[in-house]
Amino acid sequence: MRLAFVSTIGFPWGGCELLWTAAAKEALLQGHEVLVSVFDWPQQHPKIEELKTLGATLHYRRRFFPSLPERVRKKIMNRLLPSGRKATYHDYLLQFKADRILFNLAGGDEIARSDDDLMVFIRQSEIPFFVAYHSLSDRPQFDSRTIENYIFQVNKARVNLFTSRLQLDLLQHQIASKIPRASVIDHPLNISKGAIPDYPSGEPVNFAVVGSLVCRWKGQDLLMRILSGPQWEARPWKLNIYGEGEDRQYLESLASYYGIRQRVFFHGYENDPGRIWQHNHVLLAPSRQDSGPIVCFEAMYFARPVVGSRMGAMPQYITDGETGVLSAGISEKDYEEALEKAWGNRDHWKEWGENGKKRLEREYNFAAGETLLALLVQ
């Protein structure tokens, strides 16, 4: 079978890429022909390069505007095509003769808002397509046309894939429409199974924040103001931040502004979660917009509790007083109350982490890539 994977993520790499790349890799290993369409980053992530090595056809799209030859071709084709049909910048999928297409949407509205291209493509094409939705915002700004496009999109898709029930319910609320053929699927985890680091002993308490340094999604800025509060001044804690992103300098400035820079440490990107959890007691995940996050489940795998926001898949796995603490909402006040509750129960953190690991082993799909591939080829 000829399978095409189209990613719309606006960064060289992110957690929402793990699912489709795992499915694409499995497809190649099973002998399927695979086309991968991504933006033309100066350096592609090793997992994309691995797919190329395994035999995938790579199609690179310009990040901002299509190239001049592409624009000229589109204009010429629109004059030659029969009335009512239009050329699009995704006609390479027709040339590839794809049997199935997976659109991996970082936000969710990339097709619905592309009224003159991607939406045109799915309206015209008879190729069965699947859509994976990831980081949906709880504050959308959809006009009536975008909602109309969304409803067409979800009804024509072979399967609509979400990383949590909360995300599915959120989109149904935003478009005021039931989404048919919806399926909730987990992410593959970035872990190598092996020994679990012992739970750290002694003080100070090491908080870990793991993920892209993009405050509008991950909410790391909330922690700077919360941890600068007077009740935290005498408490023994350190904040270890792992990841890179556009807001690193801003977060460093915030830590200085709030007078806690000497207790906040930026470690950059860490590829091995096991090294993170050798030294840290608990994961802080104050996400404003998220699909998981995957780091929540990685922390649970390493038997660490999570203080999370009511976003993504966290409500499915975080139970107050059992596997961590879940904030009542996604505001700063909500998260501050959750963190305060967690601090007051830190004698139970080790137990919560062990409970979380058991829940993950019982409920999580560690073969999500294979599950996705099975949906695509059925």
Protein backbone atom coordinates (compact mmCIF):
# COMPACT_ATOMS: atom_id res chain seq x y z
CA MET A 1 0.00 0.00 0.00
CA ARG A 2 1.13 3.55 -0.73
CA LEU A 3 0.86 5.67 2.42
CA ALA A 4 1.42 9.43 2.68
CA PHE A 5 2.12 11.28 5.94
CA VAL A 6 1.72 15.07 5.90
CA SER A 7 2.92 16.98 8.97
CA THR A 8 1.95 20.61 9.57
CA ILE A 9 4.00 21.21 12.74
CA GLY A 10 5.71 24.62 12.63
CA PHE A 11 8.88 23.51 14.43
CA PRO A 12 11.70 21.14 13.40
CA TRP A 13 10.41 18.62 15.95
CA GLY A 14 7.80 18.15 18.64
CA GLY A 15 6.05 15.46 20.64
CA CYS A 16 3.16 15.29 18.18
CA GLU A 17 5.60 13.92 15.57
CA LEU A 18 6.29 10.73 17.53
CA LEU A 19 3.01 8.99 16.64
CA TRP A 20 3.03 9.35 12.87
CA THR A 21 6.78 8.74 12.51
CA ALA A 22 6.40 5.50 14.49
CA ALA A 23 3.59 4.42 12.16
CA ALA A 24 5.60 5.42 9.07
CA LYS A 25 8.61 3.46 10.26
CA GLU A 26 6.51 0.37 10.91
CA ALA A 27 4.92 0.75 7.47
CA LEU A 28 8.33 0.79 5.80
CA LEU A 29 9.46 -2.25 7.77
CA GLN A 30 6.33 -4.07 6.59
CA GLY A 31 7.06 -3.25 2.95
CA HIS A 32 4.61 -0.40 2.31
CA GLU A 33 5.63 2.55 0.13
CA VAL A 34 5.77 5.74 2.17
CA LEU A 35 5.81 9.44 1.30
CA VAL A 36 6.63 11.94 4.04
CA SER A 37 5.77 15.64 3.60
CA VAL A 38 7.38 18.06 6.06
CA PHE A 39 8.61 21.66 6.10
CA ASP A 40 12.07 22.36 4.68
CA TRP A 41 13.97 22.87 7.93
CA PRO A 42 17.73 23.41 7.44
CA GLN A 43 18.29 20.24 9.47
CA GLN A 44 15.71 17.50 9.75
CA HIS A 45 15.22 15.54 12.97
CA PRO A 46 17.03 12.15 13.14
CA LYS A 47 13.68 10.31 13.06
CA ILE A 48 12.85 11.95 9.73
CA GLU A 49 16.30 11.08 8.40
CA GLU A 50 15.77 7.50 9.59
CA LEU A 51 12.58 7.26 7.53
CA LYS A 52 14.50 8.47 4.48
CA THR A 53 17.19 5.85 5.12
CA LEU A 54 14.52 3.15 5.34
CA GLY A 55 13.23 4.13 1.89
CA ALA A 56 10.61 6.84 2.41
CA THR A 57 10.14 9.47 -0.28
CA LEU A 58 10.66 12.92 1.27
CA HIS A 59 8.72 15.95 0.05
CA TYR A 60 9.86 19.27 1.50
CA ARG A 61 7.46 22.21 1.69
CA ARG A 62 8.53 25.84 2.12
CA ARG A 63 7.69 27.16 5.57
CA PHE A 64 6.19 30.50 4.54
CA PHE A 65 5.27 30.79 0.88
CA PRO A 66 5.44 28.22 -1.91
CA SER A 67 8.32 28.74 -4.31
CA LEU A 68 7.81 30.82 -7.44
CA PRO A 69 7.82 27.75 -9.78
CA GLU A 70 5.11 26.16 -7.62
CA ARG A 71 2.99 29.30 -7.76
CA VAL A 72 3.42 29.57 -11.53
CA ARG A 73 2.56 25.89 -12.01
CA LYS A 74 -0.60 26.32 -9.93
CA LYS A 75 -1.76 29.29 -12.03
CA ILE A 76 -1.12 27.46 -15.29
CA MET A 77 -2.87 24.30 -14.11
CA ASN A 78 -5.89 26.28 -12.95
CA ARG A 79 -6.30 27.52 -16.53
CA LEU A 80 -5.97 24.03 -18.00
CA LEU A 81 -8.10 22.05 -15.55
CA PRO A 82 -11.81 21.48 -16.20
CA SER A 83 -14.18 24.09 -14.80
CA GLY A 84 -14.80 23.65 -11.08
CA ARG A 85 -11.46 22.00 -10.31
CA LYS A 86 -8.37 23.71 -8.93
CA ALA A 87 -4.71 22.82 -8.61
CA THR A 88 -3.25 22.82 -5.09
CA TYR A 89 0.21 22.80 -3.55
CA HIS A 90 -0.51 19.27 -2.35
CA ASP A 91 -1.04 17.69 -5.75
CA TYR A 92 2.22 15.76 -5.17
CA LEU A 93 -0.02 13.38 -3.20
CA LEU A 94 -1.90 12.64 -6.42
CA GLN A 95 1.36 12.11 -8.31
CA PHE A 96 2.50 9.70 -5.60
CA LYS A 97 -0.81 7.86 -6.12
CA ALA A 98 -1.37 7.56 -2.37
CA ASP A 99 -3.84 4.94 -1.20
CA ARG A 100 -4.17 6.59 2.23
CA ILE A 101 -3.15 10.00 3.61
CA LEU A 102 -2.59 10.93 7.24
CA PHE A 103 -2.68 14.67 7.98
CA ASN A 104 -0.84 15.22 11.26
CA LEU A 105 -2.09 18.59 12.53
CA ALA A 106 -0.07 20.28 15.24
CA GLY A 107 -2.95 22.55 16.21
CA GLY A 108 -6.00 21.09 14.51
CA ASP A 109 -7.30 23.85 12.26
CA GLU A 110 -4.59 23.83 9.58
CA ILE A 111 -6.89 22.28 6.97
CA ALA A 112 -10.03 24.20 7.93
CA ARG A 113 -8.22 27.55 7.73
CA SER A 114 -6.50 26.71 4.42
CA ASP A 115 -9.58 27.63 2.43
CA ASP A 116 -7.74 28.03 -0.88
CA ASP A 117 -5.44 25.00 -0.75
CA LEU A 118 -5.60 22.10 1.74
CA MET A 119 -9.37 22.40 2.06
CA VAL A 120 -9.63 22.48 -1.73
CA PHE A 121 -7.50 19.33 -1.87
CA ILE A 122 -9.64 17.28 0.52
CA ARG A 123 -12.85 18.50 -1.14
CA GLN A 124 -11.62 17.35 -4.57
CA SER A 125 -9.65 14.24 -3.69
CA GLU A 126 -11.16 10.78 -3.46
CA ILE A 127 -8.13 9.41 -1.58
CA PRO A 128 -9.20 8.20 1.89
CA PHE A 129 -7.63 10.46 4.48
CA PHE A 130 -7.14 10.39 8.24
CA VAL A 131 -6.61 13.38 10.52
CA ALA A 132 -4.60 13.39 13.77
CA TYR A 133 -5.41 16.36 16.03
CA HIS A 134 -2.96 17.33 18.75
CA SER A 135 -2.63 20.61 20.64
CA LEU A 136 -6.08 22.19 20.53
CA SER A 137 -6.60 25.55 22.22
CA ASP A 138 -9.40 26.06 24.74
CA ARG A 139 -9.85 29.59 23.33
CA PRO A 140 -10.43 29.19 19.58
CA GLN A 141 -11.31 32.05 17.26
CA PHE A 142 -13.20 30.28 14.50
CA ASP A 143 -15.32 32.26 12.07
CA SER A 144 -18.38 30.67 10.47
CA ARG A 145 -16.45 29.64 7.35
CA THR A 146 -13.76 27.85 9.36
CA ILE A 147 -16.42 25.99 11.35
CA GLU A 148 -18.15 25.01 8.10
CA ASN A 149 -14.83 23.69 6.76
CA TYR A 150 -14.14 21.85 10.01
CA ILE A 151 -17.51 20.09 9.85
CA PHE A 152 -16.87 19.04 6.25
CA GLN A 153 -13.38 17.82 7.21
CA VAL A 154 -14.41 15.66 10.18
CA ASN A 155 -17.30 14.15 8.23
CA LYS A 156 -15.21 13.22 5.19
CA ALA A 157 -12.19 11.88 7.13
CA ARG A 158 -11.95 8.09 7.33
CA VAL A 159 -10.95 8.41 11.02
CA ASN A 160 -10.49 11.46 13.28
CA LEU A 161 -7.73 10.74 15.80
CA PHE A 162 -7.32 12.49 19.15
CA THR A 163 -4.77 12.05 21.93
CA SER A 164 -7.39 12.37 24.67
CA ARG A 165 -11.12 12.31 25.23
CA LEU A 166 -10.85 15.87 26.54
CA GLN A 167 -9.45 17.05 23.17
CA LEU A 168 -12.28 15.32 21.31
CA ASP A 169 -14.93 16.90 23.55
CA LEU A 170 -13.22 20.28 23.21
CA LEU A 171 -13.37 20.29 19.41
CA GLN A 172 -16.96 19.04 19.34
CA HIS A 173 -17.89 21.94 21.61
CA GLN A 174 -16.00 24.46 19.46
CA ILE A 175 -17.67 23.44 16.20
CA ALA A 176 -21.01 22.57 17.87
CA SER A 177 -21.09 19.28 16.01
CA LYS A 178 -20.64 15.59 16.77
CA ILE A 179 -17.45 14.20 15.24
CA PRO A 180 -18.03 10.82 13.57
CA ARG A 181 -15.52 7.97 13.44
CA ALA A 182 -13.48 9.50 16.26
CA SER A 183 -10.78 7.48 17.97
CA VAL A 184 -8.55 8.27 20.96
CA ILE A 185 -4.98 7.04 20.62
CA ASP A 186 -1.90 7.32 22.84
CA HIS A 187 1.54 8.63 21.86
CA PRO A 188 4.62 6.43 21.66
CA LEU A 189 6.97 7.25 24.53
CA ASN A 190 10.58 8.33 24.12
CA ILE A 191 11.98 5.72 26.49
CA SER A 192 14.31 2.75 26.42
CA LYS A 193 13.06 0.13 28.82
CA GLY A 194 15.55 -0.55 31.56
CA ALA A 195 16.25 0.06 35.21
CA ILE A 196 14.16 2.75 36.91
CA PRO A 197 16.29 5.28 38.84
CA ASP A 198 15.69 5.18 42.59
CA TYR A 199 13.52 7.93 43.98
CA PRO A 200 15.85 10.76 45.11
CA SER A 201 16.30 11.19 48.83
CA GLY A 202 17.01 14.29 50.89
CA GLU A 203 16.67 17.96 50.06
CA PRO A 204 16.32 20.23 48.22
CA VAL A 205 13.23 19.08 46.34
CA ASN A 206 13.99 19.03 42.63
CA PHE A 207 11.09 20.11 40.42
CA ALA A 208 11.41 19.14 36.75
CA VAL A 209 9.77 20.98 33.85
CA VAL A 210 10.27 19.17 30.54
CA GLY A 211 9.20 20.34 27.09
CA SER A 212 9.45 23.05 24.46
CA LEU A 213 10.15 26.46 25.96
CA VAL A 214 7.04 28.04 24.45
CA CYS A 215 5.04 29.72 27.21
CA ARG A 216 1.77 30.08 25.31
CA TRP A 217 1.59 26.28 25.19
CA LYS A 218 3.57 24.94 28.12
CA GLY A 219 2.99 27.69 30.70
CA GLN A 220 6.48 27.72 32.25
CA ASP A 221 6.13 31.45 32.91
CA LEU A 222 3.41 30.73 35.47
CA LEU A 223 5.93 28.89 37.62
CA MET A 224 8.24 31.90 37.85
CA ARG A 225 5.61 34.04 39.51
CA ILE A 226 4.20 31.22 41.66
CA LEU A 227 7.61 30.18 43.01
CA SER A 228 8.50 33.79 43.77
CA GLY A 229 5.70 33.91 46.34
CA PRO A 230 6.66 34.52 49.99
CA GLN A 231 5.67 31.01 51.09
CA TRP A 232 8.27 29.52 48.73
CA GLU A 233 11.19 31.63 49.92
CA ALA A 234 12.09 29.45 52.91
CA ARG A 235 11.19 26.14 51.28
CA PRO A 236 14.04 23.93 49.99
CA TRP A 237 13.46 23.62 46.23
CA LYS A 238 15.17 23.87 42.84
CA LEU A 239 13.53 24.18 39.44
CA ASN A 240 15.21 22.21 36.64
CA ILE A 241 14.02 23.19 33.17
CA TYR A 242 14.71 20.81 30.27
CA GLY A 243 14.11 21.78 26.66
CA GLU A 244 14.73 24.55 24.16
CA GLY A 245 12.47 27.02 22.43
CA GLU A 246 11.71 30.58 21.49
CA ASP A 247 11.00 31.70 25.07
CA ARG A 248 14.18 30.57 26.80
CA GLN A 249 15.63 34.08 27.10
CA TYR A 250 12.29 35.41 28.34
CA LEU A 251 12.08 32.69 31.01
CA GLU A 252 15.63 33.42 32.15
CA SER A 253 14.70 37.10 32.40
CA LEU A 254 11.55 36.26 34.35
CA ALA A 255 13.55 34.17 36.83
CA SER A 256 15.85 37.17 37.40
CA TYR A 257 12.94 39.61 37.58
CA TYR A 258 11.25 37.56 40.31
CA GLY A 259 14.49 37.08 42.23
CA ILE A 260 14.71 33.29 41.92
CA ARG A 261 17.37 32.96 39.19
CA GLN A 262 19.81 31.26 41.58
CA ARG A 263 17.26 28.45 42.07
CA VAL A 264 16.24 27.96 38.43
CA PHE A 265 18.49 25.89 36.15
CA PHE A 266 18.21 25.58 32.36
CA HIS A 267 19.61 22.27 31.12
CA GLY A 268 18.68 22.40 27.43
CA TYR A 269 17.29 19.43 25.54
CA GLU A 270 17.75 16.03 27.18
CA ASN A 271 17.19 13.06 24.89
CA ASP A 272 17.23 10.44 27.66
CA PRO A 273 14.34 10.83 30.16
CA GLY A 274 16.07 8.36 32.47
CA ARG A 275 18.79 10.93 33.17
CA ILE A 276 16.19 13.52 34.09
CA TRP A 277 14.57 11.25 36.64
CA GLN A 278 17.81 10.27 38.36
CA HIS A 279 17.75 13.64 40.12
CA ASN A 280 14.18 15.00 40.11
CA HIS A 281 11.32 14.25 42.47
CA VAL A 282 8.24 15.45 40.60
CA LEU A 283 7.15 16.72 37.17
CA LEU A 284 5.48 20.13 36.96
CA ALA A 285 3.29 20.45 33.86
CA PRO A 286 1.38 23.79 33.89
CA SER A 287 0.29 23.46 30.24
CA ARG A 288 -2.09 25.99 28.73
CA GLN A 289 -2.40 24.01 25.48
CA ASP A 290 -1.21 20.43 25.03
CA SER A 291 -2.01 17.05 23.54
CA GLY A 292 -0.52 14.95 26.32
CA PRO A 293 2.01 15.99 27.22
CA ILE A 294 4.17 12.96 26.50
CA VAL A 295 6.54 13.99 29.30
CA CYS A 296 3.71 13.34 31.76
CA PHE A 297 3.67 9.68 30.81
CA GLU A 298 7.45 9.46 30.71
CA ALA A 299 7.54 10.74 34.30
CA MET A 300 4.92 8.17 35.30
CA TYR A 301 6.94 5.43 33.59
CA PHE A 302 9.88 6.40 35.81
CA ALA A 303 7.60 6.33 38.89
CA ARG A 304 7.49 10.07 39.45
CA PRO A 305 4.31 11.96 40.43
CA VAL A 306 2.92 14.76 38.27
CA VAL A 307 1.40 18.12 39.15
CA GLY A 308 -0.52 18.84 35.97
CA SER A 309 -3.10 21.21 34.51
CA ARG A 310 -6.51 20.16 33.23
CA MET A 311 -5.30 19.89 29.65
CA GLY A 312 -4.65 17.15 27.09
CA ALA A 313 -4.61 13.59 28.39
CA MET A 314 -3.53 14.51 31.93
CA PRO A 315 -7.04 14.27 33.43
CA GLN A 316 -7.17 10.63 32.33
CA TYR A 317 -4.07 9.65 34.30
CA ILE A 318 -3.61 12.12 37.16
CA THR A 319 -5.80 11.46 40.17
CA ASP A 320 -5.42 13.76 43.17
CA GLY A 321 -3.78 12.00 46.08
CA GLU A 322 -3.13 8.87 44.02
CA THR A 323 -0.80 9.63 41.09
CA GLY A 324 -0.21 13.36 41.66
CA VAL A 325 -2.30 16.52 41.72
CA LEU A 326 -4.46 17.89 38.90
CA SER A 327 -5.31 21.59 38.86
CA ALA A 328 -8.96 22.62 38.70
CA GLY A 329 -8.33 24.57 35.47
CA ILE A 330 -5.48 26.11 33.49
CA SER A 331 -5.19 29.50 35.17
CA GLU A 332 -2.25 30.60 37.31
CA LYS A 333 -4.45 30.54 40.42
CA ASP A 334 -5.59 26.98 39.65
CA TYR A 335 -2.04 25.78 39.22
CA GLU A 336 -0.77 27.61 42.30
CA GLU A 337 -3.40 25.85 44.41
CA ALA A 338 -2.47 22.47 42.91
CA LEU A 339 1.24 23.02 43.59
CA GLU A 340 0.51 24.11 47.15
CA LYS A 341 -1.56 20.97 47.70
CA ALA A 342 1.23 18.83 46.27
CA TRP A 343 3.85 20.45 48.52
CA GLY A 344 1.74 19.75 51.59
CA ASN A 345 1.67 16.06 50.66
CA ARG A 346 5.29 15.57 49.57
CA ASP A 347 5.70 12.67 52.01
CA HIS A 348 3.40 10.77 49.64
CA TRP A 349 5.22 11.60 46.38
CA LYS A 350 7.15 8.36 46.18
CA GLU A 351 3.92 6.39 46.69
CA TRP A 352 2.11 8.52 44.10
CA GLY A 353 4.89 7.86 41.61
CA GLU A 354 4.66 4.11 42.13
CA ASN A 355 0.87 4.27 41.70
CA GLY A 356 1.31 6.23 38.48
CA LYS A 357 3.69 3.65 37.04
CA LYS A 358 1.23 0.87 37.80
CA ARG A 359 -1.61 2.79 36.16
CA LEU A 360 0.48 3.48 33.07
CA GLU A 361 1.46 -0.17 32.72
CA ARG A 362 -2.18 -1.15 33.11
CA GLU A 363 -3.83 1.39 30.81
CA TYR A 364 -1.33 2.90 28.33
CA ASN A 365 -0.84 1.68 24.76
CA PHE A 366 2.93 1.38 24.33
CA ALA A 367 2.49 0.23 20.69
CA ALA A 368 0.56 3.27 19.43
CA GLY A 369 2.53 3.43 16.17
CA GLU A 370 1.45 -0.09 15.24
CA THR A 371 -2.12 0.75 16.27
CA LEU A 372 -2.15 3.77 13.96
CA LEU A 373 -0.73 1.79 11.05
CA ALA A 374 -3.41 -0.87 11.50
CA LEU A 375 -6.09 1.85 11.25
CA LEU A 376 -4.52 3.24 8.08
CA VAL A 377 -4.30 -0.03 6.17
CA GLN A 378 -7.55 -1.70 7.26
